[in-house]
Amino acid sequence: PVLGTRHSLRDVLALYQVREVLVAMPK
C-alpha cells in the first residue's frame, strides 16, 4: 500500500504501524 507522499510522512508514521519506508525513485 502507498500510504502517502513525503508531505504526509509525519502523519503516516504517527497513524500507522509502519515497518519500513520505501523511497521508490531511481535518483
mmCIF file of all heavy atoms, coordinates in Angstrom:
data_MODEL
# 
_entry.id   MODEL 
# 
loop_
_atom_site.group_PDB 
_atom_site.id 
_atom_site.type_symbol 
_atom_site.label_atom_id 
_atom_site.label_alt_id 
_atom_site.label_comp_id 
_atom_site.label_asym_id 
_atom_site.label_entity_id 
_atom_site.label_seq_id 
_atom_site.pdbx_PDB_ins_code 
_atom_site.Cartn_x 
_atom_site.Cartn_y 
_atom_site.Cartn_z 
_atom_site.occupancy 
_atom_site.B_iso_or_equiv 
_atom_site.pdbx_formal_charge 
_atom_site.auth_seq_id 
_atom_site.auth_comp_id 
_atom_site.auth_asym_id 
_atom_site.auth_atom_id 
_atom_site.pdbx_PDB_model_num 
ATOM 1   N N   . PRO A 1 1  ? 0.821  -1.213 0.000   1.00 0.00 ? 1  PRO A N   1 
ATOM 2   C CA  . PRO A 1 1  ? 0.000  0.000  0.000   1.00 0.00 ? 1  PRO A CA  1 
ATOM 3   C C   . PRO A 1 1  ? 0.852  1.259  0.000   1.00 0.00 ? 1  PRO A C   1 
ATOM 4   O O   . PRO A 1 1  ? 1.880  1.331  0.669   1.00 0.00 ? 1  PRO A O   1 
ATOM 5   C CB  . PRO A 1 1  ? -0.794 -0.107 1.304   1.00 0.00 ? 1  PRO A CB  1 
ATOM 6   C CG  . PRO A 1 1  ? 0.023  -0.982 2.183   1.00 0.00 ? 1  PRO A CG  1 
ATOM 7   C CD  . PRO A 1 1  ? 0.766  -1.931 1.272   1.00 0.00 ? 1  PRO A CD  1 
ATOM 8   N N   . VAL A 1 2  ? 0.434  2.233  -0.780  1.00 0.00 ? 2  VAL A N   1 
ATOM 9   C CA  . VAL A 1 2  ? 1.064  3.549  -0.773  1.00 0.00 ? 2  VAL A CA  1 
ATOM 10  C C   . VAL A 1 2  ? 0.245  4.397  0.200   1.00 0.00 ? 2  VAL A C   1 
ATOM 11  O O   . VAL A 1 2  ? -0.915 4.692  -0.050  1.00 0.00 ? 2  VAL A O   1 
ATOM 12  C CB  . VAL A 1 2  ? 1.072  4.176  -2.186  1.00 0.00 ? 2  VAL A CB  1 
ATOM 13  C CG1 . VAL A 1 2  ? 1.645  5.585  -2.137  1.00 0.00 ? 2  VAL A CG1 1 
ATOM 14  C CG2 . VAL A 1 2  ? 1.855  3.296  -3.149  1.00 0.00 ? 2  VAL A CG2 1 
ATOM 15  N N   . LEU A 1 3  ? 0.828  4.754  1.317   1.00 0.00 ? 3  LEU A N   1 
ATOM 16  C CA  . LEU A 1 3  ? 0.097  5.437  2.372   1.00 0.00 ? 3  LEU A CA  1 
ATOM 17  C C   . LEU A 1 3  ? 0.162  6.951  2.260   1.00 0.00 ? 3  LEU A C   1 
ATOM 18  O O   . LEU A 1 3  ? -0.573 7.653  2.946   1.00 0.00 ? 3  LEU A O   1 
ATOM 19  C CB  . LEU A 1 3  ? 0.616  4.995  3.745   1.00 0.00 ? 3  LEU A CB  1 
ATOM 20  C CG  . LEU A 1 3  ? 0.488  3.493  4.029   1.00 0.00 ? 3  LEU A CG  1 
ATOM 21  C CD1 . LEU A 1 3  ? 1.114  3.165  5.371   1.00 0.00 ? 3  LEU A CD1 1 
ATOM 22  C CD2 . LEU A 1 3  ? -0.956 3.054  3.969   1.00 0.00 ? 3  LEU A CD2 1 
ATOM 23  N N   . GLY A 1 4  ? 1.042  7.474  1.417   1.00 0.00 ? 4  GLY A N   1 
ATOM 24  C CA  . GLY A 1 4  ? 1.105  8.915  1.263   1.00 0.00 ? 4  GLY A CA  1 
ATOM 25  C C   . GLY A 1 4  ? 2.370  9.353  0.558   1.00 0.00 ? 4  GLY A C   1 
ATOM 26  O O   . GLY A 1 4  ? 3.175  8.548  0.112   1.00 0.00 ? 4  GLY A O   1 
ATOM 27  N N   . THR A 1 5  ? 2.518  10.657 0.492   1.00 0.00 ? 5  THR A N   1 
ATOM 28  C CA  . THR A 1 5  ? 3.692  11.269 -0.118  1.00 0.00 ? 5  THR A CA  1 
ATOM 29  C C   . THR A 1 5  ? 4.617  11.769 0.988   1.00 0.00 ? 5  THR A C   1 
ATOM 30  O O   . THR A 1 5  ? 4.315  11.636 2.167   1.00 0.00 ? 5  THR A O   1 
ATOM 31  C CB  . THR A 1 5  ? 3.281  12.461 -0.995  1.00 0.00 ? 5  THR A CB  1 
ATOM 32  O OG1 . THR A 1 5  ? 2.750  13.482 -0.134  1.00 0.00 ? 5  THR A OG1 1 
ATOM 33  C CG2 . THR A 1 5  ? 2.241  12.062 -2.026  1.00 0.00 ? 5  THR A CG2 1 
ATOM 34  N N   . ARG A 1 6  ? 5.696  12.386 0.599   1.00 0.00 ? 6  ARG A N   1 
ATOM 35  C CA  . ARG A 1 6  ? 6.606  12.923 1.614   1.00 0.00 ? 6  ARG A CA  1 
ATOM 36  C C   . ARG A 1 6  ? 5.917  13.966 2.474   1.00 0.00 ? 6  ARG A C   1 
ATOM 37  O O   . ARG A 1 6  ? 6.231  14.116 3.636   1.00 0.00 ? 6  ARG A O   1 
ATOM 38  C CB  . ARG A 1 6  ? 7.870  13.482 0.981   1.00 0.00 ? 6  ARG A CB  1 
ATOM 39  C CG  . ARG A 1 6  ? 7.730  14.898 0.477   1.00 0.00 ? 6  ARG A CG  1 
ATOM 40  C CD  . ARG A 1 6  ? 9.060  15.560 0.348   1.00 0.00 ? 6  ARG A CD  1 
ATOM 41  N NE  . ARG A 1 6  ? 9.321  15.934 -1.027  1.00 0.00 ? 6  ARG A NE  1 
ATOM 42  C CZ  . ARG A 1 6  ? 10.415 16.549 -1.387  1.00 0.00 ? 6  ARG A CZ  1 
ATOM 43  N NH1 . ARG A 1 6  ? 11.346 16.824 -0.524  1.00 0.00 ? 6  ARG A NH1 1 
ATOM 44  N NH2 . ARG A 1 6  ? 10.612 16.876 -2.625  1.00 0.00 ? 6  ARG A NH2 1 
ATOM 45  N N   . HIS A 1 7  ? 4.945  14.647 1.908   1.00 0.00 ? 7  HIS A N   1 
ATOM 46  C CA  . HIS A 1 7  ? 4.258  15.696 2.650   1.00 0.00 ? 7  HIS A CA  1 
ATOM 47  C C   . HIS A 1 7  ? 3.363  15.136 3.754   1.00 0.00 ? 7  HIS A C   1 
ATOM 48  O O   . HIS A 1 7  ? 3.031  15.854 4.696   1.00 0.00 ? 7  HIS A O   1 
ATOM 49  C CB  . HIS A 1 7  ? 3.462  16.577 1.689   1.00 0.00 ? 7  HIS A CB  1 
ATOM 50  C CG  . HIS A 1 7  ? 4.321  17.164 0.605   1.00 0.00 ? 7  HIS A CG  1 
ATOM 51  N ND1 . HIS A 1 7  ? 5.284  18.125 0.854   1.00 0.00 ? 7  HIS A ND1 1 
ATOM 52  C CD2 . HIS A 1 7  ? 4.392  16.889 -0.716  1.00 0.00 ? 7  HIS A CD2 1 
ATOM 53  C CE1 . HIS A 1 7  ? 5.903  18.420 -0.277  1.00 0.00 ? 7  HIS A CE1 1 
ATOM 54  N NE2 . HIS A 1 7  ? 5.386  17.697 -1.246  1.00 0.00 ? 7  HIS A NE2 1 
ATOM 55  N N   . SER A 1 8  ? 2.979  13.873 3.642   1.00 0.00 ? 8  SER A N   1 
ATOM 56  C CA  . SER A 1 8  ? 2.152  13.256 4.674   1.00 0.00 ? 8  SER A CA  1 
ATOM 57  C C   . SER A 1 8  ? 2.934  12.267 5.531   1.00 0.00 ? 8  SER A C   1 
ATOM 58  O O   . SER A 1 8  ? 2.352  11.571 6.360   1.00 0.00 ? 8  SER A O   1 
ATOM 59  C CB  . SER A 1 8  ? 0.945  12.556 4.033   1.00 0.00 ? 8  SER A CB  1 
ATOM 60  O OG  . SER A 1 8  ? 1.375  11.562 3.128   1.00 0.00 ? 8  SER A OG  1 
ATOM 61  N N   . LEU A 1 9  ? 4.248  12.210 5.358   1.00 0.00 ? 9  LEU A N   1 
ATOM 62  C CA  . LEU A 1 9  ? 5.066  11.214 6.048   1.00 0.00 ? 9  LEU A CA  1 
ATOM 63  C C   . LEU A 1 9  ? 4.916  11.288 7.563   1.00 0.00 ? 9  LEU A C   1 
ATOM 64  O O   . LEU A 1 9  ? 4.744  10.269 8.227   1.00 0.00 ? 9  LEU A O   1 
ATOM 65  C CB  . LEU A 1 9  ? 6.538  11.362 5.649   1.00 0.00 ? 9  LEU A CB  1 
ATOM 66  C CG  . LEU A 1 9  ? 7.504  10.363 6.284   1.00 0.00 ? 9  LEU A CG  1 
ATOM 67  C CD1 . LEU A 1 9  ? 7.128  8.929  5.947   1.00 0.00 ? 9  LEU A CD1 1 
ATOM 68  C CD2 . LEU A 1 9  ? 8.932  10.654 5.837   1.00 0.00 ? 9  LEU A CD2 1 
ATOM 69  N N   . ARG A 1 10 ? 4.964  12.465 8.119   1.00 0.00 ? 10 ARG A N   1 
ATOM 70  C CA  . ARG A 1 10 ? 4.855  12.616 9.565   1.00 0.00 ? 10 ARG A CA  1 
ATOM 71  C C   . ARG A 1 10 ? 3.543  12.011 10.083  1.00 0.00 ? 10 ARG A C   1 
ATOM 72  O O   . ARG A 1 10 ? 3.522  11.272 11.054  1.00 0.00 ? 10 ARG A O   1 
ATOM 73  C CB  . ARG A 1 10 ? 4.943  14.077 9.970   1.00 0.00 ? 10 ARG A CB  1 
ATOM 74  C CG  . ARG A 1 10 ? 4.886  14.295 11.468  1.00 0.00 ? 10 ARG A CG  1 
ATOM 75  C CD  . ARG A 1 10 ? 4.906  15.748 11.830  1.00 0.00 ? 10 ARG A CD  1 
ATOM 76  N NE  . ARG A 1 10 ? 5.894  16.456 11.023  1.00 0.00 ? 10 ARG A NE  1 
ATOM 77  C CZ  . ARG A 1 10 ? 6.347  17.652 11.264  1.00 0.00 ? 10 ARG A CZ  1 
ATOM 78  N NH1 . ARG A 1 10 ? 5.899  18.317 12.302  1.00 0.00 ? 10 ARG A NH1 1 
ATOM 79  N NH2 . ARG A 1 10 ? 7.223  18.229 10.498  1.00 0.00 ? 10 ARG A NH2 1 
ATOM 80  N N   . ASP A 1 11 ? 2.444  12.324 9.399   1.00 0.00 ? 11 ASP A N   1 
ATOM 81  C CA  . ASP A 1 11 ? 1.139  11.799 9.805   1.00 0.00 ? 11 ASP A CA  1 
ATOM 82  C C   . ASP A 1 11 ? 1.049  10.289 9.602   1.00 0.00 ? 11 ASP A C   1 
ATOM 83  O O   . ASP A 1 11 ? 0.515  9.568  10.447  1.00 0.00 ? 11 ASP A O   1 
ATOM 84  C CB  . ASP A 1 11 ? 0.012  12.480 9.025   1.00 0.00 ? 11 ASP A CB  1 
ATOM 85  C CG  . ASP A 1 11 ? -0.134 13.943 9.391   1.00 0.00 ? 11 ASP A CG  1 
ATOM 86  O OD1 . ASP A 1 11 ? 0.260  14.337 10.511  1.00 0.00 ? 11 ASP A OD1 1 
ATOM 87  O OD2 . ASP A 1 11 ? -0.654 14.711 8.556   1.00 0.00 ? 11 ASP A OD2 1 
ATOM 88  N N   . VAL A 1 12 ? 1.569  9.807  8.488   1.00 0.00 ? 12 VAL A N   1 
ATOM 89  C CA  . VAL A 1 12 ? 1.538  8.365  8.205   1.00 0.00 ? 12 VAL A CA  1 
ATOM 90  C C   . VAL A 1 12 ? 2.311  7.600  9.279   1.00 0.00 ? 12 VAL A C   1 
ATOM 91  O O   . VAL A 1 12 ? 1.845  6.576  9.779   1.00 0.00 ? 12 VAL A O   1 
ATOM 92  C CB  . VAL A 1 12 ? 2.096  8.069  6.793   1.00 0.00 ? 12 VAL A CB  1 
ATOM 93  C CG1 . VAL A 1 12 ? 2.377  6.589  6.607   1.00 0.00 ? 12 VAL A CG1 1 
ATOM 94  C CG2 . VAL A 1 12 ? 1.141  8.572  5.723   1.00 0.00 ? 12 VAL A CG2 1 
ATOM 95  N N   . LEU A 1 13 ? 3.474  8.107  9.660   1.00 0.00 ? 13 LEU A N   1 
ATOM 96  C CA  . LEU A 1 13 ? 4.262  7.436  10.692  1.00 0.00 ? 13 LEU A CA  1 
ATOM 97  C C   . LEU A 1 13 ? 3.545  7.434  12.041  1.00 0.00 ? 13 LEU A C   1 
ATOM 98  O O   . LEU A 1 13 ? 3.674  6.493  12.817  1.00 0.00 ? 13 LEU A O   1 
ATOM 99  C CB  . LEU A 1 13 ? 5.646  8.090  10.824  1.00 0.00 ? 13 LEU A CB  1 
ATOM 100 C CG  . LEU A 1 13 ? 6.584  7.889  9.636   1.00 0.00 ? 13 LEU A CG  1 
ATOM 101 C CD1 . LEU A 1 13 ? 7.859  8.703  9.823   1.00 0.00 ? 13 LEU A CD1 1 
ATOM 102 C CD2 . LEU A 1 13 ? 6.908  6.420  9.420   1.00 0.00 ? 13 LEU A CD2 1 
ATOM 103 N N   . ALA A 1 14 ? 2.764  8.478  12.294  1.00 0.00 ? 14 ALA A N   1 
ATOM 104 C CA  . ALA A 1 14 ? 2.040  8.570  13.564  1.00 0.00 ? 14 ALA A CA  1 
ATOM 105 C C   . ALA A 1 14 ? 0.771  7.717  13.570  1.00 0.00 ? 14 ALA A C   1 
ATOM 106 O O   . ALA A 1 14 ? 0.401  7.171  14.611  1.00 0.00 ? 14 ALA A O   1 
ATOM 107 C CB  . ALA A 1 14 ? 1.689  10.028 13.856  1.00 0.00 ? 14 ALA A CB  1 
ATOM 108 N N   . LEU A 1 15 ? 0.116  7.592  12.423  1.00 0.00 ? 15 LEU A N   1 
ATOM 109 C CA  . LEU A 1 15 ? -1.183 6.919  12.362  1.00 0.00 ? 15 LEU A CA  1 
ATOM 110 C C   . LEU A 1 15 ? -1.118 5.419  12.101  1.00 0.00 ? 15 LEU A C   1 
ATOM 111 O O   . LEU A 1 15 ? -2.017 4.679  12.483  1.00 0.00 ? 15 LEU A O   1 
ATOM 112 C CB  . LEU A 1 15 ? -2.055 7.558  11.277  1.00 0.00 ? 15 LEU A CB  1 
ATOM 113 C CG  . LEU A 1 15 ? -2.491 8.995  11.530  1.00 0.00 ? 15 LEU A CG  1 
ATOM 114 C CD1 . LEU A 1 15 ? -3.170 9.570  10.296  1.00 0.00 ? 15 LEU A CD1 1 
ATOM 115 C CD2 . LEU A 1 15 ? -3.431 9.049  12.720  1.00 0.00 ? 15 LEU A CD2 1 
ATOM 116 N N   . TYR A 1 16 ? -0.092 4.972  11.419  1.00 0.00 ? 16 TYR A N   1 
ATOM 117 C CA  . TYR A 1 16 ? 0.013  3.567  11.017  1.00 0.00 ? 16 TYR A CA  1 
ATOM 118 C C   . TYR A 1 16 ? 1.209  2.918  11.693  1.00 0.00 ? 16 TYR A C   1 
ATOM 119 O O   . TYR A 1 16 ? 2.157  3.586  12.079  1.00 0.00 ? 16 TYR A O   1 
ATOM 120 C CB  . TYR A 1 16 ? 0.159  3.445  9.496   1.00 0.00 ? 16 TYR A CB  1 
ATOM 121 C CG  . TYR A 1 16 ? -1.013 3.995  8.728   1.00 0.00 ? 16 TYR A CG  1 
ATOM 122 C CD1 . TYR A 1 16 ? -1.011 5.317  8.275   1.00 0.00 ? 16 TYR A CD1 1 
ATOM 123 C CD2 . TYR A 1 16 ? -2.120 3.211  8.454   1.00 0.00 ? 16 TYR A CD2 1 
ATOM 124 C CE1 . TYR A 1 16 ? -2.086 5.829  7.567   1.00 0.00 ? 16 TYR A CE1 1 
ATOM 125 C CE2 . TYR A 1 16 ? -3.198 3.718  7.742   1.00 0.00 ? 16 TYR A CE2 1 
ATOM 126 C CZ  . TYR A 1 16 ? -3.171 5.024  7.305   1.00 0.00 ? 16 TYR A CZ  1 
ATOM 127 O OH  . TYR A 1 16 ? -4.230 5.537  6.599   1.00 0.00 ? 16 TYR A OH  1 
ATOM 128 N N   . GLN A 1 17 ? 1.170  1.617  11.785  1.00 0.00 ? 17 GLN A N   1 
ATOM 129 C CA  . GLN A 1 17 ? 2.313  0.883  12.323  1.00 0.00 ? 17 GLN A CA  1 
ATOM 130 C C   . GLN A 1 17 ? 3.254  0.560  11.161  1.00 0.00 ? 17 GLN A C   1 
ATOM 131 O O   . GLN A 1 17 ? 3.353  -0.580 10.713  1.00 0.00 ? 17 GLN A O   1 
ATOM 132 C CB  . GLN A 1 17 ? 1.850  -0.384 13.042  1.00 0.00 ? 17 GLN A CB  1 
ATOM 133 C CG  . GLN A 1 17 ? 1.036  -0.087 14.276  1.00 0.00 ? 17 GLN A CG  1 
ATOM 134 C CD  . GLN A 1 17 ? 0.561  -1.343 14.965  1.00 0.00 ? 17 GLN A CD  1 
ATOM 135 O OE1 . GLN A 1 17 ? 0.445  -2.404 14.355  1.00 0.00 ? 17 GLN A OE1 1 
ATOM 136 N NE2 . GLN A 1 17 ? 0.284  -1.230 16.245  1.00 0.00 ? 17 GLN A NE2 1 
ATOM 137 N N   . VAL A 1 18 ? 3.931  1.585  10.698  1.00 0.00 ? 18 VAL A N   1 
ATOM 138 C CA  . VAL A 1 18 ? 4.818  1.458  9.544   1.00 0.00 ? 18 VAL A CA  1 
ATOM 139 C C   . VAL A 1 18 ? 6.050  0.658  9.949   1.00 0.00 ? 18 VAL A C   1 
ATOM 140 O O   . VAL A 1 18 ? 6.702  0.956  10.943  1.00 0.00 ? 18 VAL A O   1 
ATOM 141 C CB  . VAL A 1 18 ? 5.227  2.858  9.021   1.00 0.00 ? 18 VAL A CB  1 
ATOM 142 C CG1 . VAL A 1 18 ? 6.232  2.740  7.895   1.00 0.00 ? 18 VAL A CG1 1 
ATOM 143 C CG2 . VAL A 1 18 ? 3.996  3.640  8.584   1.00 0.00 ? 18 VAL A CG2 1 
ATOM 144 N N   . ARG A 1 19 ? 6.344  -0.383 9.175   1.00 0.00 ? 19 ARG A N   1 
ATOM 145 C CA  . ARG A 1 19 ? 7.526  -1.214 9.460   1.00 0.00 ? 19 ARG A CA  1 
ATOM 146 C C   . ARG A 1 19 ? 8.753  -0.734 8.695   1.00 0.00 ? 19 ARG A C   1 
ATOM 147 O O   . ARG A 1 19 ? 9.875  -0.942 9.129   1.00 0.00 ? 19 ARG A O   1 
ATOM 148 C CB  . ARG A 1 19 ? 7.248  -2.669 9.113   1.00 0.00 ? 19 ARG A CB  1 
ATOM 149 C CG  . ARG A 1 19 ? 6.221  -3.294 10.040  1.00 0.00 ? 19 ARG A CG  1 
ATOM 150 C CD  . ARG A 1 19 ? 6.017  -4.733 9.747   1.00 0.00 ? 19 ARG A CD  1 
ATOM 151 N NE  . ARG A 1 19 ? 5.445  -4.858 8.395   1.00 0.00 ? 19 ARG A NE  1 
ATOM 152 C CZ  . ARG A 1 19 ? 5.108  -5.993 7.834   1.00 0.00 ? 19 ARG A CZ  1 
ATOM 153 N NH1 . ARG A 1 19 ? 5.283  -7.120 8.475   1.00 0.00 ? 19 ARG A NH1 1 
ATOM 154 N NH2 . ARG A 1 19 ? 4.597  -6.023 6.626   1.00 0.00 ? 19 ARG A NH2 1 
ATOM 155 N N   . GLU A 1 20 ? 8.516  -0.083 7.542   1.00 0.00 ? 20 GLU A N   1 
ATOM 156 C CA  . GLU A 1 20 ? 9.628  0.411  6.740   1.00 0.00 ? 20 GLU A CA  1 
ATOM 157 C C   . GLU A 1 20 ? 9.091  1.412  5.727   1.00 0.00 ? 20 GLU A C   1 
ATOM 158 O O   . GLU A 1 20 ? 7.997  1.243  5.206   1.00 0.00 ? 20 GLU A O   1 
ATOM 159 C CB  . GLU A 1 20 ? 10.308 -0.751 6.006   1.00 0.00 ? 20 GLU A CB  1 
ATOM 160 C CG  . GLU A 1 20 ? 11.540 -0.362 5.235   1.00 0.00 ? 20 GLU A CG  1 
ATOM 161 C CD  . GLU A 1 20 ? 12.257 -1.563 4.626   1.00 0.00 ? 20 GLU A CD  1 
ATOM 162 O OE1 . GLU A 1 20 ? 11.599 -2.590 4.352   1.00 0.00 ? 20 GLU A OE1 1 
ATOM 163 O OE2 . GLU A 1 20 ? 13.464 -1.472 4.437   1.00 0.00 ? 20 GLU A OE2 1 
ATOM 164 N N   . VAL A 1 21 ? 9.871  2.441  5.450   1.00 0.00 ? 21 VAL A N   1 
ATOM 165 C CA  . VAL A 1 21 ? 9.528  3.423  4.424   1.00 0.00 ? 21 VAL A CA  1 
ATOM 166 C C   . VAL A 1 21 ? 10.386 3.129  3.201   1.00 0.00 ? 21 VAL A C   1 
ATOM 167 O O   . VAL A 1 21 ? 11.610 2.996  3.304   1.00 0.00 ? 21 VAL A O   1 
ATOM 168 C CB  . VAL A 1 21 ? 9.772  4.861  4.928   1.00 0.00 ? 21 VAL A CB  1 
ATOM 169 C CG1 . VAL A 1 21 ? 9.633  5.863  3.796   1.00 0.00 ? 21 VAL A CG1 1 
ATOM 170 C CG2 . VAL A 1 21 ? 8.812  5.192  6.059   1.00 0.00 ? 21 VAL A CG2 1 
ATOM 171 N N   . LEU A 1 22 ? 9.730  3.015  2.052   1.00 0.00 ? 22 LEU A N   1 
ATOM 172 C CA  . LEU A 1 22 ? 10.433 2.768  0.800   1.00 0.00 ? 22 LEU A CA  1 
ATOM 173 C C   . LEU A 1 22 ? 10.344 4.016  -0.065  1.00 0.00 ? 22 LEU A C   1 
ATOM 174 O O   . LEU A 1 22 ? 9.253  4.520  -0.317  1.00 0.00 ? 22 LEU A O   1 
ATOM 175 C CB  . LEU A 1 22 ? 9.795  1.590  0.054   1.00 0.00 ? 22 LEU A CB  1 
ATOM 176 C CG  . LEU A 1 22 ? 9.709  0.279  0.823   1.00 0.00 ? 22 LEU A CG  1 
ATOM 177 C CD1 . LEU A 1 22 ? 8.994  -0.773 -0.017  1.00 0.00 ? 22 LEU A CD1 1 
ATOM 178 C CD2 . LEU A 1 22 ? 11.080 -0.199 1.242   1.00 0.00 ? 22 LEU A CD2 1 
ATOM 179 N N   . VAL A 1 23 ? 11.492 4.496  -0.497  1.00 0.00 ? 23 VAL A N   1 
ATOM 180 C CA  . VAL A 1 23 ? 11.547 5.626  -1.430  1.00 0.00 ? 23 VAL A CA  1 
ATOM 181 C C   . VAL A 1 23 ? 11.676 5.007  -2.813  1.00 0.00 ? 23 VAL A C   1 
ATOM 182 O O   . VAL A 1 23 ? 12.726 4.476  -3.171  1.00 0.00 ? 23 VAL A O   1 
ATOM 183 C CB  . VAL A 1 23 ? 12.737 6.561  -1.114  1.00 0.00 ? 23 VAL A CB  1 
ATOM 184 C CG1 . VAL A 1 23 ? 12.807 7.687  -2.122  1.00 0.00 ? 23 VAL A CG1 1 
ATOM 185 C CG2 . VAL A 1 23 ? 12.630 7.096  0.307   1.00 0.00 ? 23 VAL A CG2 1 
ATOM 186 N N   . ALA A 1 24 ? 10.577 5.040  -3.573  1.00 0.00 ? 24 ALA A N   1 
ATOM 187 C CA  . ALA A 1 24 ? 10.518 4.358  -4.866  1.00 0.00 ? 24 ALA A CA  1 
ATOM 188 C C   . ALA A 1 24 ? 10.877 5.315  -5.995  1.00 0.00 ? 24 ALA A C   1 
ATOM 189 O O   . ALA A 1 24 ? 10.037 5.720  -6.791  1.00 0.00 ? 24 ALA A O   1 
ATOM 190 C CB  . ALA A 1 24 ? 9.132  3.765  -5.075  1.00 0.00 ? 24 ALA A CB  1 
ATOM 191 N N   . MET A 1 25 ? 12.152 5.677  -6.035  1.00 0.00 ? 25 MET A N   1 
ATOM 192 C CA  . MET A 1 25 ? 12.665 6.571  -7.079  1.00 0.00 ? 25 MET A CA  1 
ATOM 193 C C   . MET A 1 25 ? 14.080 6.143  -7.411  1.00 0.00 ? 25 MET A C   1 
ATOM 194 O O   . MET A 1 25 ? 14.855 5.824  -6.515  1.00 0.00 ? 25 MET A O   1 
ATOM 195 C CB  . MET A 1 25 ? 12.714 8.015  -6.579  1.00 0.00 ? 25 MET A CB  1 
ATOM 196 C CG  . MET A 1 25 ? 11.381 8.620  -6.221  1.00 0.00 ? 25 MET A CG  1 
ATOM 197 S SD  . MET A 1 25 ? 11.584 10.281 -5.534  1.00 0.00 ? 25 MET A SD  1 
ATOM 198 C CE  . MET A 1 25 ? 11.984 11.193 -7.015  1.00 0.00 ? 25 MET A CE  1 
ATOM 199 N N   . PRO A 1 26 ? 14.447 6.153  -8.692  1.00 0.00 ? 26 PRO A N   1 
ATOM 200 C CA  . PRO A 1 26 ? 15.809 5.760  -9.049  1.00 0.00 ? 26 PRO A CA  1 
ATOM 201 C C   . PRO A 1 26 ? 16.876 6.728  -8.529  1.00 0.00 ? 26 PRO A C   1 
ATOM 202 O O   . PRO A 1 26 ? 17.923 6.306  -8.085  1.00 0.00 ? 26 PRO A O   1 
ATOM 203 C CB  . PRO A 1 26 ? 15.816 5.709  -10.569 1.00 0.00 ? 26 PRO A CB  1 
ATOM 204 C CG  . PRO A 1 26 ? 14.473 6.122  -11.029 1.00 0.00 ? 26 PRO A CG  1 
ATOM 205 C CD  . PRO A 1 26 ? 13.613 6.416  -9.850  1.00 0.00 ? 26 PRO A CD  1 
ATOM 206 N N   . LYS A 1 27 ? 16.615 8.026  -8.585  1.00 0.00 ? 27 LYS A N   1 
ATOM 207 C CA  . LYS A 1 27 ? 17.601 9.012  -8.133  1.00 0.00 ? 27 LYS A CA  1 
ATOM 208 C C   . LYS A 1 27 ? 16.880 10.087 -7.322  1.00 0.00 ? 27 LYS A C   1 
ATOM 209 O O   . LYS A 1 27 ? 16.649 11.196 -7.800  1.00 0.00 ? 27 LYS A O   1 
ATOM 210 C CB  . LYS A 1 27 ? 18.320 9.643  -9.322  1.00 0.00 ? 27 LYS A CB  1 
ATOM 211 C CG  . LYS A 1 27 ? 19.181 8.675  -10.092 1.00 0.00 ? 27 LYS A CG  1 
ATOM 212 C CD  . LYS A 1 27 ? 19.872 9.359  -11.247 1.00 0.00 ? 27 LYS A CD  1 
ATOM 213 C CE  . LYS A 1 27 ? 20.714 8.355  -12.025 1.00 0.00 ? 27 LYS A CE  1 
ATOM 214 N NZ  . LYS A 1 27 ? 21.363 8.956  -13.172 1.00 0.00 ? 27 LYS A NZ  1 
# 
